[in-house]
C-alpha atoms as a PDB file:
ATOM      1  CA  MET A   1     -13.393  27.026  -6.046  1.00  0.00           C
ATOM      2  CA  ASN A   2     -11.274  26.055  -9.037  1.00  0.00           C
ATOM      3  CA  ASN A   3     -11.144  22.285  -8.769  1.00  0.00           C
ATOM      4  CA  ARG A   4      -9.586  20.284 -11.576  1.00  0.00           C
ATOM      5  CA  ARG A   5     -12.002  17.500 -12.491  1.00  0.00           C
ATOM      6  CA  LYS A   6     -11.086  14.469 -14.525  1.00  0.00           C
ATOM      7  CA  LEU A   7     -13.835  12.256 -15.907  1.00  0.00           C
ATOM      8  CA  LEU A   8     -12.552   8.875 -16.974  1.00  0.00           C
ATOM      9  CA  VAL A   9     -14.580   6.327 -18.919  1.00  0.00           C
ATOM     10  CA  ALA A  10     -12.389   3.244 -18.852  1.00  0.00           C
ATOM     11  CA  LEU A  11     -11.265   0.303 -16.826  1.00  0.00           C
ATOM     12  CA  GLY A  12      -7.985   0.329 -15.031  1.00  0.00           C
ATOM     13  CA  ALA A  13      -7.205   3.947 -15.886  1.00  0.00           C
ATOM     14  CA  SER A  14      -5.190   5.791 -13.305  1.00  0.00           C
ATOM     15  CA  VAL A  15      -4.120   9.324 -12.553  1.00  0.00           C
ATOM     16  CA  ILE A  16      -0.537   9.898 -11.534  1.00  0.00           C
ATOM     17  CA  ALA A  17      -0.216  13.013  -9.444  1.00  0.00           C
ATOM     18  CA  ALA A  18       2.901  15.109  -9.609  1.00  0.00           C
ATOM     19  CA  PRO A  19       5.325  14.783  -6.688  1.00  0.00           C
ATOM     20  CA  LEU A  20       4.309  16.989  -3.814  1.00  0.00           C
ATOM     21  CA  GLY A  21       6.514  19.143  -1.663  1.00  0.00           C
ATOM     22  CA  SER A  22      10.260  19.315  -1.505  1.00  0.00           C
ATOM     23  CA  VAL A  23      12.709  16.680  -0.357  1.00  0.00           C
ATOM     24  CA  ALA A  24      12.955  16.682   3.406  1.00  0.00           C
ATOM     25  CA  GLN A  25      16.260  17.505   4.995  1.00  0.00           C
ATOM     26  CA  GLN A  26      18.308  14.662   6.367  1.00  0.00           C
ATOM     27  CA  GLN A  27      16.995  13.701   9.761  1.00  0.00           C
ATOM     28  CA  THR A  28      18.767  12.026  12.609  1.00  0.00           C
ATOM     29  CA  LYS A  29      15.534  11.238  14.414  1.00  0.00           C
ATOM     30  CA  VAL A  30      13.578   8.139  13.447  1.00  0.00           C
ATOM     31  CA  TRP A  31       9.976   9.299  13.007  1.00  0.00           C
ATOM     32  CA  ARG A  32       7.141   6.930  13.825  1.00  0.00           C
ATOM     33  CA  VAL A  33       3.869   7.092  11.895  1.00  0.00           C
ATOM     34  CA  GLY A  34       0.811   5.095  12.893  1.00  0.00           C
ATOM     35  CA  PHE A  35      -1.471   4.309   9.941  1.00  0.00           C
ATOM     36  CA  LEU A  36      -4.985   3.234  10.913  1.00  0.00           C
ATOM     37  CA  THR A  37      -7.388   1.733   8.394  1.00  0.00           C
ATOM     38  CA  LEU A  38     -10.657  -0.167   8.536  1.00  0.00           C
ATOM     39  CA  ARG A  39     -10.269  -2.512   5.600  1.00  0.00           C
ATOM     40  CA  HIS A  40      -7.815  -5.366   5.226  1.00  0.00           C
ATOM     41  CA  VAL A  41      -4.589  -4.575   3.370  1.00  0.00           C
ATOM     42  CA  ASP A  42      -2.338  -7.314   1.960  1.00  0.00           C
ATOM     43  CA  PHE A  43       0.457  -5.422   0.238  1.00  0.00           C
ATOM     44  CA  VAL A  44       0.752  -1.760   1.099  1.00  0.00           C
ATOM     45  CA  ASP A  45       3.012  -0.702  -1.785  1.00  0.00           C
ATOM     46  CA  SER A  46       0.616  -2.091  -4.395  1.00  0.00           C
ATOM     47  CA  ASP A  47      -2.490  -0.783  -2.621  1.00  0.00           C
ATOM     48  CA  VAL A  48      -4.129   1.772  -4.908  1.00  0.00           C
ATOM     49  CA  TYR A  49      -4.824   4.167  -2.027  1.00  0.00           C
ATOM     50  CA  TYR A  50      -2.356   3.539   0.770  1.00  0.00           C
ATOM     51  CA  GLY A  51       0.687   2.831  -1.379  1.00  0.00           C
ATOM     52  CA  PRO A  52       0.820   6.499  -2.470  1.00  0.00           C
ATOM     53  CA  PHE A  53       1.193   7.577   1.175  1.00  0.00           C
ATOM     54  CA  ARG A  54       4.358   5.504   1.542  1.00  0.00           C
ATOM     55  CA  GLN A  55       5.561   6.766  -1.821  1.00  0.00           C
ATOM     56  CA  GLY A  56       4.828  10.342  -0.773  1.00  0.00           C
ATOM     57  CA  MET A  57       6.936   9.908   2.354  1.00  0.00           C
ATOM     58  CA  ARG A  58       9.815   8.583   0.241  1.00  0.00           C
ATOM     59  CA  GLU A  59       9.554  11.562  -2.095  1.00  0.00           C
ATOM     60  CA  LEU A  60       9.878  13.830   0.938  1.00  0.00           C
ATOM     61  CA  GLY A  61      13.087  12.100   2.023  1.00  0.00           C
ATOM     62  CA  TYR A  62      11.792   9.629   4.601  1.00  0.00           C
ATOM     63  CA  VAL A  63      13.228   6.148   4.274  1.00  0.00           C
ATOM     64  CA  GLU A  64      11.800   3.254   6.277  1.00  0.00           C
ATOM     65  CA  GLY A  65      14.507   1.599   8.310  1.00  0.00           C
ATOM     66  CA  LYS A  66      16.561   4.787   8.286  1.00  0.00           C
ATOM     67  CA  ASN A  67      14.573   7.766   9.522  1.00  0.00           C
ATOM     68  CA  LEU A  68      11.018   6.415   9.370  1.00  0.00           C
ATOM     69  CA  VAL A  69       8.922   3.623  10.853  1.00  0.00           C
ATOM     70  CA  ILE A  70       5.307   3.133   9.744  1.00  0.00           C
ATOM     71  CA  GLU A  71       3.116   1.106  12.077  1.00  0.00           C
ATOM     72  CA  TRP A  72       0.299  -0.265   9.898  1.00  0.00           C
ATOM     73  CA  ARG A  73      -2.897  -1.269  11.703  1.00  0.00           C
ATOM     74  CA  SER A  74      -5.918  -2.707   9.872  1.00  0.00           C
ATOM     75  CA  ALA A  75      -9.259  -3.621  11.454  1.00  0.00           C
ATOM     76  CA  GLY A  76     -10.020  -6.090   8.667  1.00  0.00           C
ATOM     77  CA  GLY A  77     -13.418  -4.510   8.025  1.00  0.00           C
ATOM     78  CA  LYS A  78     -14.513  -4.814  11.690  1.00  0.00           C
ATOM     79  CA  TYR A  79     -15.486  -1.462  13.168  1.00  0.00           C
ATOM     80  CA  ASP A  80     -15.271  -2.688  16.763  1.00  0.00           C
ATOM     81  CA  ARG A  81     -11.533  -3.332  16.356  1.00  0.00           C
ATOM     82  CA  LEU A  82     -10.651   0.271  15.513  1.00  0.00           C
ATOM     83  CA  PRO A  83     -10.646   1.700  19.088  1.00  0.00           C
ATOM     84  CA  GLY A  84      -8.233  -0.971  20.312  1.00  0.00           C
ATOM     85  CA  LEU A  85      -5.911  -0.463  17.368  1.00  0.00           C
ATOM     86  CA  ALA A  86      -5.948   3.302  17.891  1.00  0.00           C
ATOM     87  CA  THR A  87      -5.037   2.833  21.550  1.00  0.00           C
ATOM     88  CA  GLU A  88      -2.255   0.481  20.499  1.00  0.00           C
ATOM     89  CA  LEU A  89      -0.759   3.179  18.274  1.00  0.00           C
ATOM     90  CA  VAL A  90      -0.993   5.742  21.078  1.00  0.00           C
ATOM     91  CA  ASN A  91       0.817   3.359  23.431  1.00  0.00           C
ATOM     92  CA  LEU A  92       3.570   2.977  20.841  1.00  0.00           C
ATOM     93  CA  LYS A  93       4.084   6.754  21.174  1.00  0.00           C
ATOM     94  CA  VAL A  94       3.951   7.390  17.444  1.00  0.00           C
ATOM     95  CA  ASP A  95       4.669  10.947  16.313  1.00  0.00           C
ATOM     96  CA  VAL A  96       1.569  11.168  14.129  1.00  0.00           C
ATOM     97  CA  ILE A  97      -1.437   8.991  13.317  1.00  0.00           C
ATOM     98  CA  VAL A  98      -2.683   8.898   9.723  1.00  0.00           C
ATOM     99  CA  THR A  99      -6.284   7.717   9.397  1.00  0.00           C
ATOM    100  CA  ALA A 100      -7.857   6.256   6.289  1.00  0.00           C
ATOM    101  CA  SER A 101     -11.552   6.898   6.960  1.00  0.00           C
ATOM    102  CA  THR A 102     -14.051   8.749   9.112  1.00  0.00           C
ATOM    103  CA  ALA A 103     -14.413   5.738  11.408  1.00  0.00           C
ATOM    104  CA  ALA A 104     -10.640   5.438  11.847  1.00  0.00           C
ATOM    105  CA  THR A 105     -10.376   9.163  12.566  1.00  0.00           C
ATOM    106  CA  SER A 106     -13.111   8.906  15.184  1.00  0.00           C
ATOM    107  CA  ALA A 107     -11.298   6.038  16.914  1.00  0.00           C
ATOM    108  CA  ALA A 108      -8.014   7.970  16.906  1.00  0.00           C
ATOM    109  CA  GLN A 109      -9.758  11.074  18.233  1.00  0.00           C
ATOM    110  CA  GLU A 110     -11.110   9.062  21.156  1.00  0.00           C
ATOM    111  CA  ALA A 111      -7.673   7.592  21.835  1.00  0.00           C
ATOM    112  CA  THR A 112      -5.656  10.827  21.984  1.00  0.00           C
ATOM    113  CA  THR A 113      -5.995  14.588  22.200  1.00  0.00           C
ATOM    114  CA  THR A 114      -2.250  15.230  22.016  1.00  0.00           C
ATOM    115  CA  ILE A 115      -0.758  13.112  19.210  1.00  0.00           C
ATOM    116  CA  PRO A 116      -1.330  14.834  15.835  1.00  0.00           C
ATOM    117  CA  ILE A 117      -3.866  13.069  13.614  1.00  0.00           C
ATOM    118  CA  VAL A 118      -3.817  13.432   9.817  1.00  0.00           C
ATOM    119  CA  MET A 119      -7.030  12.487   8.025  1.00  0.00           C
ATOM    120  CA  GLY A 120      -6.376  10.821   4.698  1.00  0.00           C
ATOM    121  CA  ASN A 121     -10.009  10.903   3.624  1.00  0.00           C
ATOM    122  CA  ALA A 122     -12.783  12.118   5.942  1.00  0.00           C
ATOM    123  CA  GLY A 123     -16.145  12.802   4.362  1.00  0.00           C
ATOM    124  CA  ASP A 124     -17.270  15.659   6.615  1.00  0.00           C
ATOM    125  CA  PRO A 125     -14.619  16.682   9.176  1.00  0.00           C
ATOM    126  CA  VAL A 126     -16.694  19.558  10.566  1.00  0.00           C
ATOM    127  CA  GLY A 127     -19.943  17.597  10.793  1.00  0.00           C
ATOM    128  CA  SER A 128     -18.086  14.681  12.385  1.00  0.00           C
ATOM    129  CA  GLY A 129     -16.666  16.957  15.067  1.00  0.00           C
ATOM    130  CA  PHE A 130     -13.032  16.457  14.086  1.00  0.00           C
ATOM    131  CA  VAL A 131     -12.291  20.118  13.369  1.00  0.00           C
ATOM    132  CA  ILE A 132     -13.924  23.456  14.129  1.00  0.00           C
ATOM    133  CA  SER A 133     -13.523  24.615  10.535  1.00  0.00           C
ATOM    134  CA  LEU A 134     -11.605  23.573   7.436  1.00  0.00           C
ATOM    135  CA  ALA A 135      -9.578  26.787   7.475  1.00  0.00           C
ATOM    136  CA  ARG A 136      -8.674  26.558  11.167  1.00  0.00           C
ATOM    137  CA  PRO A 137      -8.989  23.036  12.608  1.00  0.00           C
ATOM    138  CA  ALA A 138      -7.872  24.261  16.083  1.00  0.00           C
ATOM    139  CA  GLY A 139      -7.260  20.838  17.687  1.00  0.00           C
ATOM    140  CA  ASN A 140      -4.875  17.957  17.056  1.00  0.00           C
ATOM    141  CA  ILE A 141      -6.591  16.846  13.820  1.00  0.00           C
ATOM    142  CA  THR A 142      -6.074  18.076  10.256  1.00  0.00           C
ATOM    143  CA  GLY A 143      -5.657  16.522   6.811  1.00  0.00           C
ATOM    144  CA  LEU A 144      -7.930  15.984   3.836  1.00  0.00           C
ATOM    145  CA  THR A 145     -11.662  15.777   3.270  1.00  0.00           C
ATOM    146  CA  GLY A 146     -13.587  13.899   0.614  1.00  0.00           C
ATOM    147  CA  MET A 147     -16.335  16.575   0.340  1.00  0.00           C
ATOM    148  CA  GLN A 148     -18.924  13.877   0.981  1.00  0.00           C
ATOM    149  CA  GLY A 149     -22.067  15.977   0.607  1.00  0.00           C
ATOM    150  CA  ASP A 150     -21.191  17.502  -2.771  1.00  0.00           C
ATOM    151  CA  VAL A 151     -19.900  14.198  -4.107  1.00  0.00           C
ATOM    152  CA  LEU A 152     -23.036  12.292  -3.064  1.00  0.00           C
ATOM    153  CA  LEU A 153     -25.308  14.667  -4.941  1.00  0.00           C
ATOM    154  CA  LYS A 154     -23.101  14.498  -8.031  1.00  0.00           C
ATOM    155  CA  ARG A 155     -23.102  10.703  -7.828  1.00  0.00           C
ATOM    156  CA  LEU A 156     -26.896  10.627  -7.718  1.00  0.00           C
ATOM    157  CA  GLU A 157     -27.075  13.030 -10.658  1.00  0.00           C
ATOM    158  CA  LEU A 158     -24.732  10.840 -12.718  1.00  0.00           C
ATOM    159  CA  LEU A 159     -26.704   7.675 -11.986  1.00  0.00           C
ATOM    160  CA  HIS A 160     -29.944   9.403 -12.895  1.00  0.00           C
ATOM    161  CA  GLY A 161     -28.339  10.445 -16.179  1.00  0.00           C
ATOM    162  CA  MET A 162     -27.410   6.842 -16.962  1.00  0.00           C
ATOM    163  CA  VAL A 163     -30.782   5.449 -15.847  1.00  0.00           C
ATOM    164  CA  PRO A 164     -33.359   8.078 -16.965  1.00  0.00           C
ATOM    165  CA  LYS A 165     -36.336   5.966 -15.825  1.00  0.00           C
ATOM    166  CA  LEU A 166     -34.943   5.591 -12.324  1.00  0.00           C
ATOM    167  CA  SER A 167     -37.938   5.306  -9.993  1.00  0.00           C
ATOM    168  CA  SER A 168     -36.827   3.282  -6.984  1.00  0.00           C
ATOM    169  CA  LEU A 169     -33.255   3.432  -5.710  1.00  0.00           C
ATOM    170  CA  ALA A 170     -31.807   0.895  -3.287  1.00  0.00           C
ATOM    171  CA  VAL A 171     -29.146   2.357  -0.993  1.00  0.00           C
ATOM    172  CA  LEU A 172     -26.683  -0.091   0.535  1.00  0.00           C
ATOM    173  CA  VAL A 173     -25.762   1.082   4.040  1.00  0.00           C
ATOM    174  CA  ASN A 174     -23.478  -0.194   6.779  1.00  0.00           C
ATOM    175  CA  PRO A 175     -25.295   1.040   9.920  1.00  0.00           C
ATOM    176  CA  TYR A 176     -22.056   0.780  11.909  1.00  0.00           C
ATOM    177  CA  ASN A 177     -20.623   3.483   9.661  1.00  0.00           C
ATOM    178  CA  THR A 178     -21.739   6.833  11.095  1.00  0.00           C
ATOM    179  CA  GLU A 179     -20.785   8.613   7.887  1.00  0.00           C
ATOM    180  CA  ASN A 180     -23.048   6.257   5.941  1.00  0.00           C
ATOM    181  CA  MET A 181     -25.934   7.197   8.203  1.00  0.00           C
ATOM    182  CA  ARG A 182     -25.358  10.928   7.738  1.00  0.00           C
ATOM    183  CA  SER A 183     -25.022  10.425   3.993  1.00  0.00           C
ATOM    184  CA  LEU A 184     -28.269   8.450   3.868  1.00  0.00           C
ATOM    185  CA  LYS A 185     -30.221  11.523   4.996  1.00  0.00           C
ATOM    186  CA  LEU A 186     -28.723  13.561   2.161  1.00  0.00           C
ATOM    187  CA  VAL A 187     -29.621  10.925  -0.423  1.00  0.00           C
ATOM    188  CA  GLN A 188     -33.142  10.570   0.962  1.00  0.00           C
ATOM    189  CA  SER A 189     -33.629  14.323   0.711  1.00  0.00           C
ATOM    190  CA  ALA A 190     -32.206  14.446  -2.814  1.00  0.00           C
ATOM    191  CA  GLY A 191     -34.341  11.461  -3.825  1.00  0.00           C
ATOM    192  CA  GLN A 192     -37.483  13.399  -2.951  1.00  0.00           C
ATOM    193  CA  LYS A 193     -36.414  16.227  -5.255  1.00  0.00           C
ATOM    194  CA  PHE A 194     -35.831  13.772  -8.116  1.00  0.00           C
ATOM    195  CA  GLY A 195     -39.077  11.927  -7.342  1.00  0.00           C
ATOM    196  CA  ILE A 196     -37.145   8.734  -6.585  1.00  0.00           C
ATOM    197  CA  LYS A 197     -38.253   6.249  -3.936  1.00  0.00           C
ATOM    198  CA  ILE A 198     -35.308   5.430  -1.640  1.00  0.00           C
ATOM    199  CA  LEU A 199     -35.031   1.848  -0.362  1.00  0.00           C
ATOM    200  CA  ARG A 200     -32.585   1.481   2.527  1.00  0.00           C
ATOM    201  CA  ALA A 201     -30.771  -1.870   2.673  1.00  0.00           C
ATOM    202  CA  ASP A 202     -28.481  -2.536   5.656  1.00  0.00           C
ATOM    203  CA  ALA A 203     -25.494  -4.893   5.601  1.00  0.00           C
ATOM    204  CA  THR A 204     -22.712  -5.479   8.126  1.00  0.00           C
ATOM    205  CA  SER A 205     -21.303  -8.749   6.774  1.00  0.00           C
ATOM    206  CA  ALA A 206     -20.895 -10.694   3.544  1.00  0.00           C
ATOM    207  CA  GLN A 207     -24.001 -12.760   4.304  1.00  0.00           C
ATOM    208  CA  GLU A 208     -26.025  -9.631   4.985  1.00  0.00           C
ATOM    209  CA  ILE A 209     -24.892  -8.214   1.637  1.00  0.00           C
ATOM    210  CA  ASP A 210     -26.393 -11.309  -0.022  1.00  0.00           C
ATOM    211  CA  ASN A 211     -29.591 -10.843   1.967  1.00  0.00           C
ATOM    212  CA  ALA A 212     -29.730  -7.145   1.108  1.00  0.00           C
ATOM    213  CA  PHE A 213     -29.575  -7.851  -2.629  1.00  0.00           C
ATOM    214  CA  SER A 214     -32.342 -10.432  -2.354  1.00  0.00           C
ATOM    215  CA  TRP A 215     -34.473  -7.851  -0.564  1.00  0.00           C
ATOM    216  CA  MET A 216     -33.706  -5.210  -3.219  1.00  0.00           C
ATOM    217  CA  HIS A 217     -34.892  -7.655  -5.875  1.00  0.00           C
ATOM    218  CA  GLN A 218     -38.128  -8.276  -3.979  1.00  0.00           C
ATOM    219  CA  GLN A 219     -38.680  -4.515  -3.723  1.00  0.00           C
ATOM    220  CA  ASN A 220     -38.193  -4.097  -7.500  1.00  0.00           C
ATOM    221  CA  ALA A 221     -35.322  -1.649  -7.108  1.00  0.00           C
ATOM    222  CA  THR A 222     -34.327  -0.163 -10.464  1.00  0.00           C
ATOM    223  CA  ALA A 223     -30.795   0.872  -9.431  1.00  0.00           C
ATOM    224  CA  LEU A 224     -28.338   0.772  -6.553  1.00  0.00           C
ATOM    225  CA  PHE A 225     -26.431   3.513  -4.742  1.00  0.00           C
ATOM    226  CA  MET A 226     -23.509   2.517  -2.502  1.00  0.00           C
ATOM    227  CA  PHE A 227     -21.689   4.586   0.087  1.00  0.00           C
ATOM    228  CA  GLY A 228     -17.992   4.336   0.795  1.00  0.00           C
ATOM    229  CA  ASP A 229     -17.376   1.649   3.403  1.00  0.00           C
ATOM    230  CA  GLY A 230     -14.480  -0.673   4.196  1.00  0.00           C
ATOM    231  CA  LEU A 231     -16.684  -3.778   4.156  1.00  0.00           C
ATOM    232  CA  PHE A 232     -18.212  -2.907   0.790  1.00  0.00           C
ATOM    233  CA  GLN A 233     -14.762  -2.204  -0.592  1.00  0.00           C
ATOM    234  CA  GLN A 234     -13.459  -5.580   0.590  1.00  0.00           C
ATOM    235  CA  GLN A 235     -16.476  -7.394  -0.904  1.00  0.00           C
ATOM    236  CA  LYS A 236     -16.083  -5.840  -4.347  1.00  0.00           C
ATOM    237  CA  SER A 237     -16.253  -9.158  -6.227  1.00  0.00           C
ATOM    238  CA  GLN A 238     -19.327 -10.302  -4.331  1.00  0.00           C
ATOM    239  CA  ILE A 239     -21.089  -6.997  -4.942  1.00  0.00           C
ATOM    240  CA  ALA A 240     -20.189  -6.979  -8.637  1.00  0.00           C
ATOM    241  CA  GLU A 241     -21.551 -10.509  -9.045  1.00  0.00           C
ATOM    242  CA  LEU A 242     -24.779  -9.611  -7.264  1.00  0.00           C
ATOM    243  CA  THR A 243     -25.373  -6.469  -9.324  1.00  0.00           C
ATOM    244  CA  ALA A 244     -24.933  -8.582 -12.469  1.00  0.00           C
ATOM    245  CA  LYS A 245     -27.204 -11.347 -11.159  1.00  0.00           C
ATOM    246  CA  HIS A 246     -30.020  -8.914 -10.330  1.00  0.00           C
ATOM    247  CA  ARG A 247     -29.298  -6.633 -13.323  1.00  0.00           C
ATOM    248  CA  LEU A 248     -28.917  -3.584 -11.102  1.00  0.00           C
ATOM    249  CA  PRO A 249     -27.238  -0.480 -12.490  1.00  0.00           C
ATOM    250  CA  ALA A 250     -25.122   0.709  -9.564  1.00  0.00           C
ATOM    251  CA  ILE A 251     -22.910   3.619  -8.648  1.00  0.00           C
ATOM    252  CA  THR A 252     -20.290   3.469  -5.926  1.00  0.00           C
ATOM    253  CA  SER A 253     -17.360   5.457  -4.590  1.00  0.00           C
ATOM    254  CA  PHE A 254     -14.694   2.864  -5.416  1.00  0.00           C
ATOM    255  CA  GLN A 255     -12.932   2.458  -8.742  1.00  0.00           C
ATOM    256  CA  GLU A 256     -12.243  -1.186  -7.826  1.00  0.00           C
ATOM    257  CA  HIS A 257     -15.978  -1.902  -7.893  1.00  0.00           C
ATOM    258  CA  THR A 258     -16.211  -0.687 -11.481  1.00  0.00           C
ATOM    259  CA  GLU A 259     -13.179  -2.748 -12.447  1.00  0.00           C
ATOM    260  CA  ALA A 260     -14.901  -5.784 -10.889  1.00  0.00           C
ATOM    261  CA  GLY A 261     -18.070  -5.230 -12.934  1.00  0.00           C
ATOM    262  CA  VAL A 262     -20.221  -2.605 -11.186  1.00  0.00           C
ATOM    263  CA  LEU A 263     -21.591  -0.024 -13.628  1.00  0.00           C
ATOM    264  CA  MET A 264     -20.144   3.259 -12.297  1.00  0.00           C
ATOM    265  CA  SER A 265     -18.008   4.941  -9.671  1.00  0.00           C
ATOM    266  CA  TYR A 266     -17.462   8.598  -8.896  1.00  0.00           C
ATOM    267  CA  ALA A 267     -15.245   9.990  -6.163  1.00  0.00           C
ATOM    268  CA  PRO A 268     -12.243  12.138  -5.386  1.00  0.00           C
ATOM    269  CA  ASN A 269      -8.937  10.512  -6.272  1.00  0.00           C
ATOM    270  CA  ARG A 270      -8.089   8.940  -2.913  1.00  0.00           C
ATOM    271  CA  ALA A 271      -4.589   8.032  -4.041  1.00  0.00           C
ATOM    272  CA  ASP A 272      -3.902  11.735  -4.490  1.00  0.00           C
ATOM    273  CA  ASN A 273      -5.366  12.437  -1.044  1.00  0.00           C
ATOM    274  CA  PHE A 274      -3.089   9.928   0.655  1.00  0.00           C
ATOM    275  CA  ARG A 275      -0.049  11.160  -1.213  1.00  0.00           C
ATOM    276  CA  ARG A 276      -0.879  14.649   0.016  1.00  0.00           C
ATOM    277  CA  ALA A 277      -1.341  13.308   3.550  1.00  0.00           C
ATOM    278  CA  ALA A 278       2.420  12.661   3.567  1.00  0.00           C
ATOM    279  CA  THR A 279       3.017  16.410   3.264  1.00  0.00           C
ATOM    280  CA  TYR A 280       1.017  16.964   6.449  1.00  0.00           C
ATOM    281  CA  ALA A 281       3.151  14.442   8.330  1.00  0.00           C
ATOM    282  CA  ASP A 282       6.270  16.170   7.010  1.00  0.00           C
ATOM    283  CA  LYS A 283       5.078  19.599   8.157  1.00  0.00           C
ATOM    284  CA  ILE A 284       4.187  18.264  11.591  1.00  0.00           C
ATOM    285  CA  PHE A 285       7.598  16.610  11.912  1.00  0.00           C
ATOM    286  CA  LYS A 286       9.117  20.007  11.151  1.00  0.00           C
ATOM    287  CA  GLY A 287       7.213  21.648  13.982  1.00  0.00           C
ATOM    288  CA  ALA A 288       3.852  22.701  12.530  1.00  0.00           C
ATOM    289  CA  ASN A 289       0.826  22.639  14.811  1.00  0.00           C
ATOM    290  CA  PRO A 290      -1.920  20.479  13.230  1.00  0.00           C
ATOM    291  CA  GLY A 291      -4.547  22.928  14.472  1.00  0.00           C
ATOM    292  CA  ASP A 292      -2.955  25.626  12.283  1.00  0.00           C
ATOM    293  CA  LEU A 293      -2.849  23.528   9.099  1.00  0.00           C
ATOM    294  CA  PRO A 294      -6.020  24.029   7.007  1.00  0.00           C
ATOM    295  CA  VAL A 295      -7.923  20.926   5.938  1.00  0.00           C
ATOM    296  CA  GLU A 296      -7.534  20.495   2.183  1.00  0.00           C
ATOM    297  CA  GLN A 297     -10.325  19.587  -0.206  1.00  0.00           C
ATOM    298  CA  PRO A 298      -9.820  17.221  -3.159  1.00  0.00           C
ATOM    299  CA  THR A 299      -8.689  18.640  -6.483  1.00  0.00           C
ATOM    300  CA  ILE A 300      -9.064  15.539  -8.674  1.00  0.00           C
ATOM    301  CA  PHE A 301     -12.417  13.797  -9.211  1.00  0.00           C
ATOM    302  CA  GLU A 302     -12.832  10.643 -11.270  1.00  0.00           C
ATOM    303  CA  LEU A 303     -15.757   9.001 -12.999  1.00  0.00           C
ATOM    304  CA  PHE A 304     -15.330   5.403 -14.162  1.00  0.00           C
ATOM    305  CA  ILE A 305     -17.954   3.619 -16.260  1.00  0.00           C
ATOM    306  CA  ASN A 306     -17.741  -0.060 -17.120  1.00  0.00           C
ATOM    307  CA  GLY A 307     -18.704  -0.112 -20.784  1.00  0.00           C
ATOM    308  CA  LYS A 308     -19.226  -3.877 -20.850  1.00  0.00           C
ATOM    309  CA  THR A 309     -21.656  -3.693 -17.938  1.00  0.00           C
ATOM    310  CA  ALA A 310     -23.522  -0.772 -19.505  1.00  0.00           C
ATOM    311  CA  LYS A 311     -23.976  -2.803 -22.703  1.00  0.00           C
ATOM    312  CA  ALA A 312     -25.162  -5.866 -20.774  1.00  0.00           C
ATOM    313  CA  LEU A 313     -27.754  -3.712 -18.997  1.00  0.00           C
ATOM    314  CA  GLY A 314     -28.899  -2.126 -22.248  1.00  0.00           C
ATOM    315  CA  LEU A 315     -27.780   1.346 -21.159  1.00  0.00           C
ATOM    316  CA  THR A 316     -26.331   4.053 -23.370  1.00  0.00           C
ATOM    317  CA  ILE A 317     -23.452   6.095 -21.995  1.00  0.00           C
ATOM    318  CA  PRO A 318     -24.243   9.796 -22.494  1.00  0.00           C
ATOM    319  CA  GLN A 319     -21.954  11.424 -25.056  1.00  0.00           C
ATOM    320  CA  SER A 320     -20.972  14.061 -22.498  1.00  0.00           C
ATOM    321  CA  LEU A 321     -19.250  11.390 -20.416  1.00  0.00           C
ATOM    322  CA  LEU A 322     -17.334   9.766 -23.256  1.00  0.00           C
ATOM    323  CA  ILE A 323     -13.957  11.337 -22.553  1.00  0.00           C
ATOM    324  CA  SER A 324     -10.704   9.625 -23.413  1.00  0.00           C
ATOM    325  CA  PRO A 325      -8.928   8.108 -20.396  1.00  0.00           C
ATOM    326  CA  THR A 326      -5.956   9.947 -18.965  1.00  0.00           C
ATOM    327  CA  ARG A 327      -3.033   7.754 -17.984  1.00  0.00           C
END
């Protein structure tokens, strides 16, 4: 697979994807999109991930208030709210549901087998039971995957490169997140190959995140590995402060964590994924069957390293990762 990878060593750097697709023809119908996300969102347009979906719809000719309505539903970081919100969108008879995570996709899948569902970022669509295969989804779900397994192993490799004497690795897990639990097994297996002791630390609330870091300190963890999770994303400032307090080199899947002070992040460019999700909605509006639309894999990967944090931790950034930021 010829994936274009971008490694960025900077703070606040961003990748602007080229406009996707062609301008949609003028529509007389007002299309209704339900957008389901786990984490809290204040301002959609300025949101680094979800704003590009709205922008992508505009680029395809859909104008809110004219031929498009987007029903935004956020669970505010509470997994138990997702099923109710998914049902709410189904009852609104939206034309398509766009989901922002594996958990949101699972809730939408339980709520409907007929309304098309577009995944904005699902770690393992086949393993999660959303699609039969990436090439031929077959049901009412399609969209984009984050290639979770491959990315996790690369993330562990990058952290090991930054922390050569890594011996015990704390892994912050939200046990309510089924994708986190599947990912944990992969990291545990990879840890054995590297000769790294894996320390599982569970957290389902801000207080439990505090408790988890205290436990990591007691266990003499030498670094921290974080999975993608809506709660962890919301608590970026708290997590950054705790990694600094306990002097823990950490790698995460969110650029915002690195901007807040965490050492590293590596992940597909989610903004690009959500922009591309708009093209799926457009195709479905034009009559495409979601089961016939192949699930796309990410084409842009980003590594962010906080140089200030690396210096504070006494770590040297490998020369191979010192690549000028692309803006």
